[in-house]
Amino acid sequence: MNWNRHPFEVKDGDTLKRHNFAQREPGTHIPELDGKKLTFVDCNLQNVAIDPLWTVKGCLTVQKAWPTDAEREHCHKVTKLEGVKAMQEHLAEQCAELEADLGVVPKEI
């Protein structure tokens, strides 16, 4: 279950198995979990601030910042531009090969 989209309550001492608590921002505290002695087994705790009271077994606990919308848009534009440039270079190479095969002397522009 993805707990980000559902209200939930846990009790001190609960064991949570195979749940998704992943957060967008690194080091995010989840108020419903803070300050309780809990055990997590095979859970996704990406970007969750791990409480020292918790026992964590086989869980994903990586802290990774996700790109902002502006960063993603910039990356998309750069990737698209690089793709266009790569296609232009590829077509130029194909034209040069075809001209060589046909014995055509390229004209200076």
N, C-alpha and C. Protein backbone atom coordinates (compact mmCIF):
# COMPACT_ATOMS: atom_id res chain seq x y z
N MET A 1 0.84 -1.19 0.00
CA MET A 1 0.00 0.00 0.00
C MET A 1 0.88 1.24 0.00
N ASN A 2 0.47 2.25 -0.75
CA ASN A 2 1.18 3.52 -0.76
C ASN A 2 0.52 4.42 0.27
N TRP A 3 1.23 4.65 1.36
CA TRP A 3 0.69 5.41 2.47
C TRP A 3 0.62 6.91 2.19
N ASN A 4 1.22 7.38 1.13
CA ASN A 4 1.18 8.80 0.81
C ASN A 4 -0.23 9.26 0.45
N ARG A 5 -1.05 8.36 -0.02
CA ARG A 5 -2.36 8.75 -0.53
C ARG A 5 -3.51 8.33 0.38
N HIS A 6 -3.19 7.79 1.51
CA HIS A 6 -4.24 7.30 2.41
C HIS A 6 -3.94 7.75 3.84
N PRO A 7 -4.96 8.17 4.56
CA PRO A 7 -4.72 8.47 5.98
C PRO A 7 -4.43 7.15 6.71
N PHE A 8 -3.57 7.20 7.70
CA PHE A 8 -3.23 5.98 8.40
C PHE A 8 -2.85 6.28 9.84
N GLU A 9 -2.89 5.23 10.62
CA GLU A 9 -2.50 5.35 12.02
C GLU A 9 -1.70 4.10 12.38
N VAL A 10 -0.57 4.31 13.03
CA VAL A 10 0.22 3.18 13.52
C VAL A 10 0.39 3.35 15.02
N LYS A 11 0.54 2.20 15.67
CA LYS A 11 0.72 2.20 17.12
C LYS A 11 2.16 1.87 17.46
N ASP A 12 2.61 2.36 18.57
CA ASP A 12 3.94 2.05 19.05
C ASP A 12 4.10 0.53 19.10
N GLY A 13 5.18 0.03 18.50
CA GLY A 13 5.44 -1.41 18.49
C GLY A 13 4.94 -2.13 17.25
N ASP A 14 4.23 -1.44 16.35
CA ASP A 14 3.71 -2.08 15.14
C ASP A 14 4.85 -2.53 14.21
N THR A 15 4.58 -3.60 13.46
CA THR A 15 5.47 -4.05 12.39
C THR A 15 4.76 -3.80 11.07
N LEU A 16 5.44 -3.11 10.16
CA LEU A 16 4.87 -2.78 8.86
C LEU A 16 5.65 -3.52 7.79
N LYS A 17 4.95 -4.30 6.97
CA LYS A 17 5.60 -5.12 5.95
C LYS A 17 5.15 -4.72 4.55
N ARG A 18 6.15 -4.56 3.66
CA ARG A 18 5.93 -4.31 2.23
C ARG A 18 5.02 -3.11 1.95
N HIS A 19 5.29 -2.01 2.62
CA HIS A 19 4.52 -0.79 2.39
C HIS A 19 5.41 0.26 1.74
N ASN A 20 4.78 1.18 1.03
CA ASN A 20 5.49 2.25 0.34
C ASN A 20 5.26 3.58 1.07
N PHE A 21 6.32 4.10 1.68
CA PHE A 21 6.26 5.39 2.36
C PHE A 21 7.11 6.43 1.63
N ALA A 22 7.53 6.15 0.40
CA ALA A 22 8.46 7.02 -0.34
C ALA A 22 7.96 8.46 -0.38
N GLN A 23 8.93 9.37 -0.28
CA GLN A 23 8.65 10.81 -0.31
C GLN A 23 9.44 11.47 -1.43
N ARG A 24 9.00 12.60 -1.88
CA ARG A 24 9.68 13.34 -2.96
C ARG A 24 10.97 13.98 -2.48
N GLU A 25 10.96 14.57 -1.29
CA GLU A 25 12.11 15.31 -0.78
C GLU A 25 12.90 14.47 0.22
N PRO A 26 14.24 14.47 0.12
CA PRO A 26 15.08 13.73 1.08
C PRO A 26 14.86 14.24 2.51
N GLY A 27 14.95 13.31 3.45
CA GLY A 27 14.87 13.67 4.87
C GLY A 27 13.48 14.06 5.35
N THR A 28 12.44 13.61 4.66
CA THR A 28 11.07 13.98 5.02
C THR A 28 10.63 13.21 6.27
N HIS A 29 10.12 13.95 7.24
CA HIS A 29 9.54 13.34 8.44
C HIS A 29 8.07 13.06 8.18
N ILE A 30 7.63 11.88 8.55
CA ILE A 30 6.22 11.53 8.43
C ILE A 30 5.66 11.56 9.84
N PRO A 31 4.86 12.58 10.16
CA PRO A 31 4.41 12.78 11.53
C PRO A 31 3.74 11.55 12.15
N GLU A 32 2.99 10.79 11.36
CA GLU A 32 2.31 9.61 11.89
C GLU A 32 3.28 8.53 12.36
N LEU A 33 4.55 8.60 11.89
CA LEU A 33 5.53 7.57 12.23
C LEU A 33 6.55 8.04 13.27
N ASP A 34 6.76 9.35 13.36
CA ASP A 34 7.80 9.89 14.24
C ASP A 34 7.56 9.54 15.71
N GLY A 35 8.66 9.21 16.39
CA GLY A 35 8.62 9.00 17.83
C GLY A 35 8.04 7.69 18.28
N LYS A 36 7.80 6.77 17.36
CA LYS A 36 7.24 5.47 17.73
C LYS A 36 8.28 4.39 17.44
N LYS A 37 8.29 3.39 18.30
CA LYS A 37 9.19 2.25 18.09
C LYS A 37 8.48 1.31 17.12
N LEU A 38 8.93 1.34 15.86
CA LEU A 38 8.30 0.57 14.80
C LEU A 38 9.32 -0.34 14.14
N THR A 39 8.81 -1.39 13.49
CA THR A 39 9.65 -2.28 12.69
C THR A 39 9.12 -2.25 11.27
N PHE A 40 10.03 -2.00 10.32
CA PHE A 40 9.70 -1.98 8.90
C PHE A 40 10.40 -3.16 8.24
N VAL A 41 9.65 -3.94 7.47
CA VAL A 41 10.20 -5.09 6.77
C VAL A 41 9.85 -4.96 5.29
N ASP A 42 10.89 -4.95 4.44
CA ASP A 42 10.71 -4.89 2.98
C ASP A 42 9.84 -3.71 2.55
N CYS A 43 10.07 -2.56 3.14
CA CYS A 43 9.29 -1.35 2.81
C CYS A 43 10.12 -0.40 1.96
N ASN A 44 9.43 0.49 1.27
CA ASN A 44 10.07 1.56 0.53
C ASN A 44 10.06 2.80 1.42
N LEU A 45 11.23 3.15 1.97
CA LEU A 45 11.37 4.32 2.83
C LEU A 45 12.23 5.38 2.14
N GLN A 46 12.20 5.40 0.81
CA GLN A 46 13.01 6.37 0.07
C GLN A 46 12.65 7.79 0.50
N ASN A 47 13.68 8.54 0.87
CA ASN A 47 13.60 9.94 1.28
C ASN A 47 12.87 10.16 2.61
N VAL A 48 12.61 9.09 3.34
CA VAL A 48 12.00 9.22 4.66
C VAL A 48 13.11 9.38 5.69
N ALA A 49 12.93 10.33 6.61
CA ALA A 49 13.88 10.49 7.72
C ALA A 49 13.69 9.30 8.65
N ILE A 50 14.75 8.51 8.81
CA ILE A 50 14.67 7.29 9.62
C ILE A 50 14.83 7.64 11.10
N ASP A 51 13.83 7.29 11.87
CA ASP A 51 13.85 7.54 13.32
C ASP A 51 14.76 6.51 13.98
N PRO A 52 15.62 6.91 14.92
CA PRO A 52 16.51 5.95 15.57
C PRO A 52 15.77 4.89 16.38
N LEU A 53 14.50 5.09 16.67
CA LEU A 53 13.71 4.09 17.40
C LEU A 53 13.26 2.93 16.51
N TRP A 54 13.37 3.11 15.20
CA TRP A 54 12.86 2.12 14.26
C TRP A 54 13.86 0.99 14.04
N THR A 55 13.30 -0.19 13.74
CA THR A 55 14.08 -1.32 13.24
C THR A 55 13.72 -1.45 11.77
N VAL A 56 14.74 -1.45 10.91
CA VAL A 56 14.52 -1.47 9.46
C VAL A 56 15.20 -2.71 8.89
N LYS A 57 14.42 -3.59 8.25
CA LYS A 57 14.95 -4.84 7.69
C LYS A 57 14.58 -4.95 6.21
N GLY A 58 15.59 -4.99 5.35
CA GLY A 58 15.37 -5.22 3.92
C GLY A 58 14.61 -4.10 3.23
N CYS A 59 14.71 -2.88 3.72
CA CYS A 59 13.96 -1.76 3.16
C CYS A 59 14.86 -0.87 2.30
N LEU A 60 14.26 -0.19 1.34
CA LEU A 60 14.95 0.83 0.57
C LEU A 60 14.96 2.10 1.41
N THR A 61 16.15 2.60 1.72
CA THR A 61 16.26 3.79 2.58
C THR A 61 17.07 4.91 1.94
N VAL A 62 17.24 4.86 0.62
CA VAL A 62 18.05 5.85 -0.09
C VAL A 62 17.44 7.24 0.06
N GLN A 63 18.33 8.23 0.11
CA GLN A 63 17.92 9.63 0.12
C GLN A 63 18.36 10.23 -1.21
N LYS A 64 17.42 10.58 -2.07
CA LYS A 64 17.73 11.07 -3.41
C LYS A 64 16.79 12.21 -3.77
N ALA A 65 17.37 13.34 -4.12
CA ALA A 65 16.56 14.48 -4.54
C ALA A 65 16.06 14.24 -5.97
N TRP A 66 14.79 14.45 -6.19
CA TRP A 66 14.21 14.34 -7.52
C TRP A 66 14.30 15.70 -8.20
N PRO A 67 14.45 15.72 -9.51
CA PRO A 67 14.53 17.02 -10.20
C PRO A 67 13.22 17.78 -10.08
N THR A 68 13.33 19.09 -10.05
CA THR A 68 12.13 19.93 -10.04
C THR A 68 11.49 19.90 -11.42
N ASP A 69 10.29 20.42 -11.52
CA ASP A 69 9.61 20.47 -12.82
C ASP A 69 10.43 21.31 -13.81
N ALA A 70 11.00 22.42 -13.33
CA ALA A 70 11.82 23.28 -14.20
C ALA A 70 13.07 22.53 -14.68
N GLU A 71 13.70 21.77 -13.79
CA GLU A 71 14.89 20.99 -14.17
C GLU A 71 14.54 19.91 -15.19
N ARG A 72 13.40 19.25 -14.98
CA ARG A 72 12.96 18.22 -15.94
C ARG A 72 12.67 18.84 -17.30
N GLU A 73 12.02 20.00 -17.32
CA GLU A 73 11.70 20.67 -18.58
C GLU A 73 12.99 21.07 -19.31
N HIS A 74 13.96 21.60 -18.57
CA HIS A 74 15.24 21.99 -19.16
C HIS A 74 15.93 20.76 -19.76
N CYS A 75 15.94 19.67 -19.00
CA CYS A 75 16.58 18.43 -19.46
C CYS A 75 15.89 17.93 -20.73
N HIS A 76 14.56 18.00 -20.76
CA HIS A 76 13.82 17.56 -21.94
C HIS A 76 14.20 18.39 -23.17
N LYS A 77 14.28 19.72 -22.98
CA LYS A 77 14.65 20.60 -24.09
C LYS A 77 16.06 20.31 -24.59
N VAL A 78 16.99 20.13 -23.65
CA VAL A 78 18.38 19.84 -24.03
C VAL A 78 18.46 18.51 -24.76
N THR A 79 17.77 17.51 -24.25
CA THR A 79 17.78 16.19 -24.87
C THR A 79 17.19 16.25 -26.28
N LYS A 80 16.10 16.99 -26.43
CA LYS A 80 15.47 17.13 -27.75
C LYS A 80 16.43 17.84 -28.71
N LEU A 81 17.08 18.91 -28.25
CA LEU A 81 18.03 19.64 -29.08
C LEU A 81 19.20 18.74 -29.48
N GLU A 82 19.72 17.97 -28.51
CA GLU A 82 20.82 17.06 -28.81
C GLU A 82 20.39 16.01 -29.83
N GLY A 83 19.13 15.57 -29.72
CA GLY A 83 18.60 14.59 -30.67
C GLY A 83 18.53 15.17 -32.08
N VAL A 84 18.11 16.43 -32.19
CA VAL A 84 18.04 17.09 -33.49
C VAL A 84 19.44 17.24 -34.08
N LYS A 85 20.39 17.67 -33.26
CA LYS A 85 21.77 17.83 -33.73
C LYS A 85 22.35 16.48 -34.17
N ALA A 86 22.08 15.45 -33.39
CA ALA A 86 22.59 14.12 -33.74
C ALA A 86 21.98 13.65 -35.06
N MET A 87 20.68 13.92 -35.27
CA MET A 87 20.03 13.53 -36.52
C MET A 87 20.63 14.30 -37.70
N GLN A 88 20.90 15.60 -37.51
CA GLN A 88 21.51 16.39 -38.57
C GLN A 88 22.88 15.83 -38.93
N GLU A 89 23.67 15.48 -37.93
CA GLU A 89 25.00 14.92 -38.19
C GLU A 89 24.89 13.58 -38.91
N HIS A 90 23.94 12.76 -38.49
CA HIS A 90 23.73 11.45 -39.11
C HIS A 90 23.35 11.62 -40.59
N LEU A 91 22.41 12.54 -40.85
CA LEU A 91 21.99 12.78 -42.23
C LEU A 91 23.14 13.32 -43.08
N ALA A 92 23.95 14.20 -42.51
CA ALA A 92 25.11 14.73 -43.25
C ALA A 92 26.08 13.61 -43.60
N GLU A 93 26.29 12.68 -42.65
CA GLU A 93 27.18 11.54 -42.93
C GLU A 93 26.60 10.67 -44.03
N GLN A 94 25.30 10.42 -43.98
CA GLN A 94 24.66 9.59 -45.02
C GLN A 94 24.77 10.26 -46.38
N CYS A 95 24.56 11.58 -46.43
CA CYS A 95 24.68 12.31 -47.69
C CYS A 95 26.10 12.22 -48.24
N ALA A 96 27.08 12.39 -47.35
CA ALA A 96 28.48 12.32 -47.78
C ALA A 96 28.80 10.94 -48.33
N GLU A 97 28.31 9.88 -47.66
CA GLU A 97 28.55 8.52 -48.15
C GLU A 97 27.89 8.30 -49.50
N LEU A 98 26.66 8.79 -49.67
CA LEU A 98 25.95 8.63 -50.93
C LEU A 98 26.67 9.39 -52.05
N GLU A 99 27.10 10.62 -51.75
CA GLU A 99 27.83 11.40 -52.74
C GLU A 99 29.12 10.70 -53.14
N ALA A 100 29.81 10.11 -52.17
CA ALA A 100 31.07 9.39 -52.46
C ALA A 100 30.77 8.18 -53.36
N ASP A 101 29.69 7.45 -53.03
CA ASP A 101 29.31 6.28 -53.82
C ASP A 101 28.97 6.67 -55.26
N LEU A 102 28.36 7.82 -55.44
CA LEU A 102 27.94 8.29 -56.76
C LEU A 102 29.02 9.08 -57.47
N GLY A 103 30.11 9.36 -56.78
CA GLY A 103 31.19 10.12 -57.36
C GLY A 103 30.86 11.60 -57.51
N VAL A 104 29.95 12.08 -56.67
CA VAL A 104 29.55 13.48 -56.71
C VAL A 104 30.53 14.29 -55.88
N VAL A 105 30.95 15.40 -56.44
CA VAL A 105 31.84 16.31 -55.71
C VAL A 105 30.94 17.30 -54.96
N PRO A 106 31.03 17.33 -53.61
CA PRO A 106 30.18 18.25 -52.86
C PRO A 106 30.48 19.70 -53.21
N LYS A 107 29.42 20.51 -53.27
CA LYS A 107 29.58 21.92 -53.55
C LYS A 107 29.82 22.68 -52.27
N GLU A 108 30.66 23.67 -52.35
CA GLU A 108 30.91 24.55 -51.20
C GLU A 108 29.70 25.48 -51.06
N ILE A 109 29.26 25.66 -49.85
CA ILE A 109 28.12 26.56 -49.60
C ILE A 109 28.63 27.84 -48.97
